[in-house]
Amino acid sequence: MRIRAAISAALISLSACANQQPTENACVVAHSSGFVGAERGQEQLTVAQNGAPCVFAATIRRETMGQGEVVTAPAHGTAAVRATTEATLISYTPARGYVGADRFDVGIGPNFVVTVLVQVVPAVAGSVKP
């Protein structure tokens, strides 16, 4: 119960970028909805075609949410999860040349899932190498 209460009060700390347009080295992470109960969360990422991995941090009271795993893999890229002492880091890298929508799910702990909705956009001239 204590973990459920903590998770439902958790905040996703967005450590990627606050830019409006993704670049080769920066993505846009938008917290799209609050947690529903203590079981789900949702994030939205916008990444540039052929850009660097997009990484954001999931935390509970500024601490790690613990170990996690990709439970539903993205269809058009790769996703990974890594726990540190400060945060649970979730990353996404689009497949080379892909532009369009993607999504994946990350399970954290016994009862929590973060659905990540991804939009891979064409590179802006001069900002992303082909």
Foldseek 3Di string as FASTA:
>chain_A
DVLQVQQLQWDWAFDFDCDPDAFQRGKHKDQDDHDDRSAEGEIEIEHEANHDKTKGFTAGVQFALADKAWPFAKPFWGWGWDHDGGTIMIITDGHHPDFAKIWTWMDGPDGYIYIYIYGYHYHDPPGHDD
